[in-house]
C-alpha atoms as a PDB file:
ATOM      1  CA  UNK A   1       0.000   0.000   0.000  1.00  0.00           C
ATOM      2  CA  UNK A   2       2.846   2.417   0.815  1.00  0.00           C
ATOM      3  CA  UNK A   3       4.443   1.649  -2.528  1.00  0.00           C
ATOM      4  CA  UNK A   4       1.265   2.540  -4.406  1.00  0.00           C
ATOM      5  CA  UNK A   5       0.864   5.754  -2.441  1.00  0.00           C
ATOM      6  CA  UNK A   6       4.463   6.767  -3.114  1.00  0.00           C
ATOM      7  CA  UNK A   7       4.139   5.891  -6.786  1.00  0.00           C
ATOM      8  CA  UNK A   8       0.915   7.914  -7.057  1.00  0.00           C
ATOM      9  CA  UNK A   9       2.459  10.976  -5.382  1.00  0.00           C
ATOM     10  CA  UNK A  10       5.478  10.773  -7.681  1.00  0.00           C
ATOM     11  CA  UNK A  11       3.220  10.622 -10.722  1.00  0.00           C
ATOM     12  CA  UNK A  12       1.245  13.661  -9.519  1.00  0.00           C
ATOM     13  CA  UNK A  13       4.436  15.662  -8.970  1.00  0.00           C
ATOM     14  CA  UNK A  14       5.764  14.759 -12.430  1.00  0.00           C
ATOM     15  CA  UNK A  15       2.475  15.750 -14.072  1.00  0.00           C
ATOM     16  CA  UNK A  16       2.331  19.025 -12.115  1.00  0.00           C
ATOM     17  CA  UNK A  17       5.851  20.056 -13.141  1.00  0.00           C
ATOM     18  CA  UNK A  18       5.335  18.947 -16.744  1.00  0.00           C
ATOM     19  CA  UNK A  19       2.170  21.021 -17.123  1.00  0.00           C
ATOM     20  CA  UNK A  20       3.816  24.237 -15.943  1.00  0.00           C
ATOM     21  CA  UNK A  21       5.405  26.227 -18.708  1.00  0.00           C
ATOM     22  CA  UNK A  22       8.590  28.062 -17.973  1.00  0.00           C
ATOM     23  CA  UNK A  23       8.202  31.824 -17.573  1.00  0.00           C
ATOM     24  CA  UNK A  24      11.673  32.180 -18.991  1.00  0.00           C
ATOM     25  CA  UNK A  25      10.381  31.663 -22.514  1.00  0.00           C
ATOM     26  CA  UNK A  26       7.957  34.613 -22.261  1.00  0.00           C
ATOM     27  CA  UNK A  27      10.746  36.884 -21.055  1.00  0.00           C
ATOM     28  CA  UNK A  28      13.058  35.544 -23.723  1.00  0.00           C
ATOM     29  CA  UNK A  29      10.479  36.241 -26.456  1.00  0.00           C
ATOM     30  CA  UNK A  30       9.909  39.793 -25.191  1.00  0.00           C
ATOM     31  CA  UNK A  31      13.663  40.393 -25.103  1.00  0.00           C
ATOM     32  CA  UNK A  32      14.111  39.076 -28.630  1.00  0.00           C
ATOM     33  CA  UNK A  33      11.255  41.260 -29.928  1.00  0.00           C
ATOM     34  CA  UNK A  34      12.743  44.358 -28.305  1.00  0.00           C
ATOM     35  CA  UNK A  35      16.155  43.535 -29.716  1.00  0.00           C
ATOM     36  CA  UNK A  36      14.682  43.130 -33.239  1.00  0.00           C
ATOM     37  CA  UNK A  37      12.895  46.482 -32.952  1.00  0.00           C
ATOM     38  CA  UNK A  38      16.111  48.124 -31.803  1.00  0.00           C
ATOM     39  CA  UNK A  39      18.036  46.638 -34.697  1.00  0.00           C
ATOM     40  CA  UNK A  40      15.336  47.716 -37.154  1.00  0.00           C
ATOM     41  CA  UNK A  41      15.529  51.343 -36.022  1.00  0.00           C
ATOM     42  CA  UNK A  42      19.322  51.456 -36.071  1.00  0.00           C
ATOM     43  CA  UNK A  43      19.715  49.897 -39.523  1.00  0.00           C
ATOM     44  CA  UNK A  44      18.457  53.065 -41.209  1.00  0.00           C
ATOM     45  CA  UNK A  45      21.480  54.692 -42.861  1.00  0.00           C
ATOM     46  CA  UNK A  46      22.621  57.840 -41.074  1.00  0.00           C
ATOM     47  CA  UNK A  47      22.858  59.860 -44.250  1.00  0.00           C
ATOM     48  CA  UNK A  48      19.162  59.230 -44.926  1.00  0.00           C
ATOM     49  CA  UNK A  49      18.217  60.375 -41.431  1.00  0.00           C
ATOM     50  CA  UNK A  50      20.418  63.477 -41.652  1.00  0.00           C
ATOM     51  CA  UNK A  51      18.871  64.405 -44.997  1.00  0.00           C
ATOM     52  CA  UNK A  52      15.349  64.114 -43.526  1.00  0.00           C
ATOM     53  CA  UNK A  53      16.263  66.267 -40.526  1.00  0.00           C
ATOM     54  CA  UNK A  54      17.896  68.916 -42.716  1.00  0.00           C
ATOM     55  CA  UNK A  55      14.753  69.119 -44.877  1.00  0.00           C
ATOM     56  CA  UNK A  56      12.567  69.646 -41.804  1.00  0.00           C
ATOM     57  CA  UNK A  57      14.820  72.300 -40.253  1.00  0.00           C
ATOM     58  CA  UNK A  58      13.822  75.943 -40.479  1.00  0.00           C
ATOM     59  CA  UNK A  59      16.114  78.867 -39.760  1.00  0.00           C
ATOM     60  CA  UNK A  60      15.810  80.352 -36.272  1.00  0.00           C
ATOM     61  CA  UNK A  61      16.010  84.092 -35.691  1.00  0.00           C
ATOM     62  CA  UNK A  62      17.684  84.852 -32.392  1.00  0.00           C
ATOM     63  CA  UNK A  63      16.479  87.575 -30.068  1.00  0.00           C
ATOM     64  CA  UNK A  64      18.801  89.692 -27.945  1.00  0.00           C
ATOM     65  CA  UNK A  65      19.600  88.108 -24.594  1.00  0.00           C
ATOM     66  CA  UNK A  66      18.660  90.047 -21.490  1.00  0.00           C
ATOM     67  CA  UNK A  67      19.793  89.053 -18.027  1.00  0.00           C
ATOM     68  CA  UNK A  68      18.015  89.846 -14.818  1.00  0.00           C
ATOM     69  CA  UNK A  69      20.029  91.810 -12.285  1.00  0.00           C
ATOM     70  CA  UNK A  70      21.457  89.704  -9.469  1.00  0.00           C
ATOM     71  CA  UNK A  71      19.928  90.263  -6.077  1.00  0.00           C
ATOM     72  CA  UNK A  72      22.700  90.444  -3.530  1.00  0.00           C
ATOM     73  CA  UNK A  73      21.654  89.812   0.028  1.00  0.00           C
ATOM     74  CA  UNK A  74      23.261  92.392   2.243  1.00  0.00           C
ATOM     75  CA  UNK A  75      24.337  91.841   5.807  1.00  0.00           C
ATOM     76  CA  UNK A  76      21.465  93.961   7.073  1.00  0.00           C
ATOM     77  CA  UNK A  77      18.845  91.660   5.516  1.00  0.00           C
ATOM     78  CA  UNK A  78      20.275  88.325   6.637  1.00  0.00           C
ATOM     79  CA  UNK A  79      18.353  86.350   9.244  1.00  0.00           C
ATOM     80  CA  UNK A  80      19.400  86.247  12.856  1.00  0.00           C
ATOM     81  CA  UNK A  81      18.155  83.758  15.449  1.00  0.00           C
ATOM     82  CA  UNK A  82      17.403  85.139  18.890  1.00  0.00           C
ATOM     83  CA  UNK A  83      18.184  82.816  21.789  1.00  0.00           C
ATOM     84  CA  UNK A  84      18.888  83.002  25.483  1.00  0.00           C
ATOM     85  CA  UNK A  85      22.255  81.298  25.911  1.00  0.00           C
ATOM     86  CA  UNK A  86      24.884  81.092  28.625  1.00  0.00           C
ATOM     87  CA  UNK A  87      28.593  80.479  28.099  1.00  0.00           C
ATOM     88  CA  UNK A  88      29.636  77.097  29.504  1.00  0.00           C
ATOM     89  CA  UNK A  89      33.133  76.803  28.073  1.00  0.00           C
ATOM     90  CA  UNK A  90      35.648  79.369  26.875  1.00  0.00           C
ATOM     91  CA  UNK A  91      35.976  83.046  27.640  1.00  0.00           C
ATOM     92  CA  UNK A  92      32.785  84.717  28.882  1.00  0.00           C
ATOM     93  CA  UNK A  93      33.109  87.760  26.619  1.00  0.00           C
ATOM     94  CA  UNK A  94      29.963  87.071  24.638  1.00  0.00           C
ATOM     95  CA  UNK A  95      28.543  90.164  22.932  1.00  0.00           C
ATOM     96  CA  UNK A  96      25.156  90.741  21.303  1.00  0.00           C
ATOM     97  CA  UNK A  97      25.780  89.232  17.822  1.00  0.00           C
ATOM     98  CA  UNK A  98      27.592  85.909  17.488  1.00  0.00           C
ATOM     99  CA  UNK A  99      28.727  83.680  14.612  1.00  0.00           C
ATOM    100  CA  UNK A 100      27.698  80.081  15.301  1.00  0.00           C
ATOM    101  CA  UNK A 101      29.852  77.447  13.575  1.00  0.00           C
ATOM    102  CA  UNK A 102      27.991  74.409  14.905  1.00  0.00           C
ATOM    103  CA  UNK A 103      25.170  73.189  17.134  1.00  0.00           C
ATOM    104  CA  UNK A 104      25.218  69.974  19.132  1.00  0.00           C
ATOM    105  CA  UNK A 105      23.032  68.168  21.618  1.00  0.00           C
ATOM    106  CA  UNK A 106      26.116  66.477  23.119  1.00  0.00           C
ATOM    107  CA  UNK A 107      28.538  68.745  24.989  1.00  0.00           C
ATOM    108  CA  UNK A 108      31.583  66.602  24.117  1.00  0.00           C
ATOM    109  CA  UNK A 109      30.970  67.163  20.403  1.00  0.00           C
ATOM    110  CA  UNK A 110      30.715  70.912  20.938  1.00  0.00           C
ATOM    111  CA  UNK A 111      33.930  70.903  22.978  1.00  0.00           C
ATOM    112  CA  UNK A 112      35.707  68.997  20.211  1.00  0.00           C
ATOM    113  CA  UNK A 113      34.725  71.588  17.592  1.00  0.00           C
ATOM    114  CA  UNK A 114      35.672  74.416  19.982  1.00  0.00           C
ATOM    115  CA  UNK A 115      39.143  72.906  20.452  1.00  0.00           C
ATOM    116  CA  UNK A 116      39.574  72.583  16.677  1.00  0.00           C
ATOM    117  CA  UNK A 117      38.617  76.227  16.155  1.00  0.00           C
ATOM    118  CA  UNK A 118      40.965  77.396  18.922  1.00  0.00           C
ATOM    119  CA  UNK A 119      43.791  75.525  17.162  1.00  0.00           C
ATOM    120  CA  UNK A 120      42.793  77.347  13.974  1.00  0.00           C
ATOM    121  CA  UNK A 121      43.285  80.698  15.731  1.00  0.00           C
ATOM    122  CA  UNK A 122      39.713  81.581  16.734  1.00  0.00           C
ATOM    123  CA  UNK A 123      38.573  82.573  20.225  1.00  0.00           C
ATOM    124  CA  UNK A 124      35.835  79.943  20.192  1.00  0.00           C
ATOM    125  CA  UNK A 125      33.433  79.278  23.055  1.00  0.00           C
ATOM    126  CA  UNK A 126      30.528  76.968  23.800  1.00  0.00           C
ATOM    127  CA  UNK A 127      27.164  78.448  24.814  1.00  0.00           C
ATOM    128  CA  UNK A 128      24.188  76.443  26.072  1.00  0.00           C
ATOM    129  CA  UNK A 129      20.538  77.071  25.208  1.00  0.00           C
ATOM    130  CA  UNK A 130      18.599  75.498  28.089  1.00  0.00           C
ATOM    131  CA  UNK A 131      15.192  75.867  26.394  1.00  0.00           C
ATOM    132  CA  UNK A 132      16.088  73.463  23.580  1.00  0.00           C
ATOM    133  CA  UNK A 133      19.066  71.709  25.218  1.00  0.00           C
ATOM    134  CA  UNK A 134      21.547  72.614  22.474  1.00  0.00           C
ATOM    135  CA  UNK A 135      25.201  73.576  22.709  1.00  0.00           C
ATOM    136  CA  UNK A 136      26.212  76.358  20.287  1.00  0.00           C
ATOM    137  CA  UNK A 137      29.864  76.645  19.221  1.00  0.00           C
ATOM    138  CA  UNK A 138      30.545  80.354  18.756  1.00  0.00           C
ATOM    139  CA  UNK A 139      33.503  81.307  16.599  1.00  0.00           C
ATOM    140  CA  UNK A 140      33.273  85.113  16.838  1.00  0.00           C
ATOM    141  CA  UNK A 141      31.254  87.703  18.769  1.00  0.00           C
ATOM    142  CA  UNK A 142      30.441  91.352  17.914  1.00  0.00           C
ATOM    143  CA  UNK A 143      28.433  94.329  19.141  1.00  0.00           C
ATOM    144  CA  UNK A 144      26.817  95.031  15.744  1.00  0.00           C
ATOM    145  CA  UNK A 145      25.047  92.859  13.221  1.00  0.00           C
ATOM    146  CA  UNK A 146      27.003  94.041  10.159  1.00  0.00           C
ATOM    147  CA  UNK A 147      30.370  93.061  11.611  1.00  0.00           C
ATOM    148  CA  UNK A 148      29.012  89.684  12.664  1.00  0.00           C
ATOM    149  CA  UNK A 149      27.586  89.033   9.177  1.00  0.00           C
ATOM    150  CA  UNK A 150      30.920  89.951   7.571  1.00  0.00           C
ATOM    151  CA  UNK A 151      32.753  87.636   9.974  1.00  0.00           C
ATOM    152  CA  UNK A 152      30.312  84.809   9.190  1.00  0.00           C
ATOM    153  CA  UNK A 153      30.870  85.262   5.451  1.00  0.00           C
ATOM    154  CA  UNK A 154      34.648  85.362   5.933  1.00  0.00           C
ATOM    155  CA  UNK A 155      34.468  82.188   8.032  1.00  0.00           C
ATOM    156  CA  UNK A 156      32.516  80.388   5.310  1.00  0.00           C
ATOM    157  CA  UNK A 157      34.960  81.625   2.665  1.00  0.00           C
ATOM    158  CA  UNK A 158      37.952  80.359   4.664  1.00  0.00           C
ATOM    159  CA  UNK A 159      36.546  76.810   4.689  1.00  0.00           C
ATOM    160  CA  UNK A 160      34.834  76.311   1.305  1.00  0.00           C
ATOM    161  CA  UNK A 161      35.250  72.526   1.426  1.00  0.00           C
ATOM    162  CA  UNK A 162      33.719  72.086   4.870  1.00  0.00           C
ATOM    163  CA  UNK A 163      29.986  71.668   4.320  1.00  0.00           C
ATOM    164  CA  UNK A 164      29.341  71.800   8.047  1.00  0.00           C
ATOM    165  CA  UNK A 165      30.915  75.278   8.258  1.00  0.00           C
ATOM    166  CA  UNK A 166      28.885  76.495   5.258  1.00  0.00           C
ATOM    167  CA  UNK A 167      25.845  76.390   7.536  1.00  0.00           C
ATOM    168  CA  UNK A 168      27.288  79.010   9.928  1.00  0.00           C
ATOM    169  CA  UNK A 169      24.651  81.472  11.147  1.00  0.00           C
ATOM    170  CA  UNK A 170      24.133  84.522  13.341  1.00  0.00           C
ATOM    171  CA  UNK A 171      22.841  84.381  16.916  1.00  0.00           C
ATOM    172  CA  UNK A 172      21.516  87.375  18.824  1.00  0.00           C
ATOM    173  CA  UNK A 173      21.971  86.845  22.536  1.00  0.00           C
ATOM    174  CA  UNK A 174      18.881  87.608  24.624  1.00  0.00           C
ATOM    175  CA  UNK A 175      19.754  88.571  28.212  1.00  0.00           C
END
């Protein structure tokens, strides 16, 4: 009885696999059709195609080119973030307008950037914003907004390949 059952199951499996057609042939046919269409379009001689295009071309009359004037954003129109911050590392000579080179939620990361900037010759400091728990690495501090904006632009220009420094921004310290 076991032999007949095994023989019957084997026969069913063979019939099931034999009745299924391979999907590879459908893909192969579609590929061959696409290849034939590609060959048919590329067999047209180039000189024939060029002649047809030249017949269809019409001369173009060019108009004078006018350029719009560039809008240069001045230091007085640049955005400034206002935050209440306290100096936690570095000299406590923070003035009203500050150039922020980086912002971190981890103090060790801010300290690392501050140390790098000090080695580069800046009087960097770390300030903490308690409301949002962020450490701001300040690279320069000024009494007026124009000087701070110029310093920010000079800082960005000094490090054109540092994408993180290209995001430097101005911070107005709220007392």
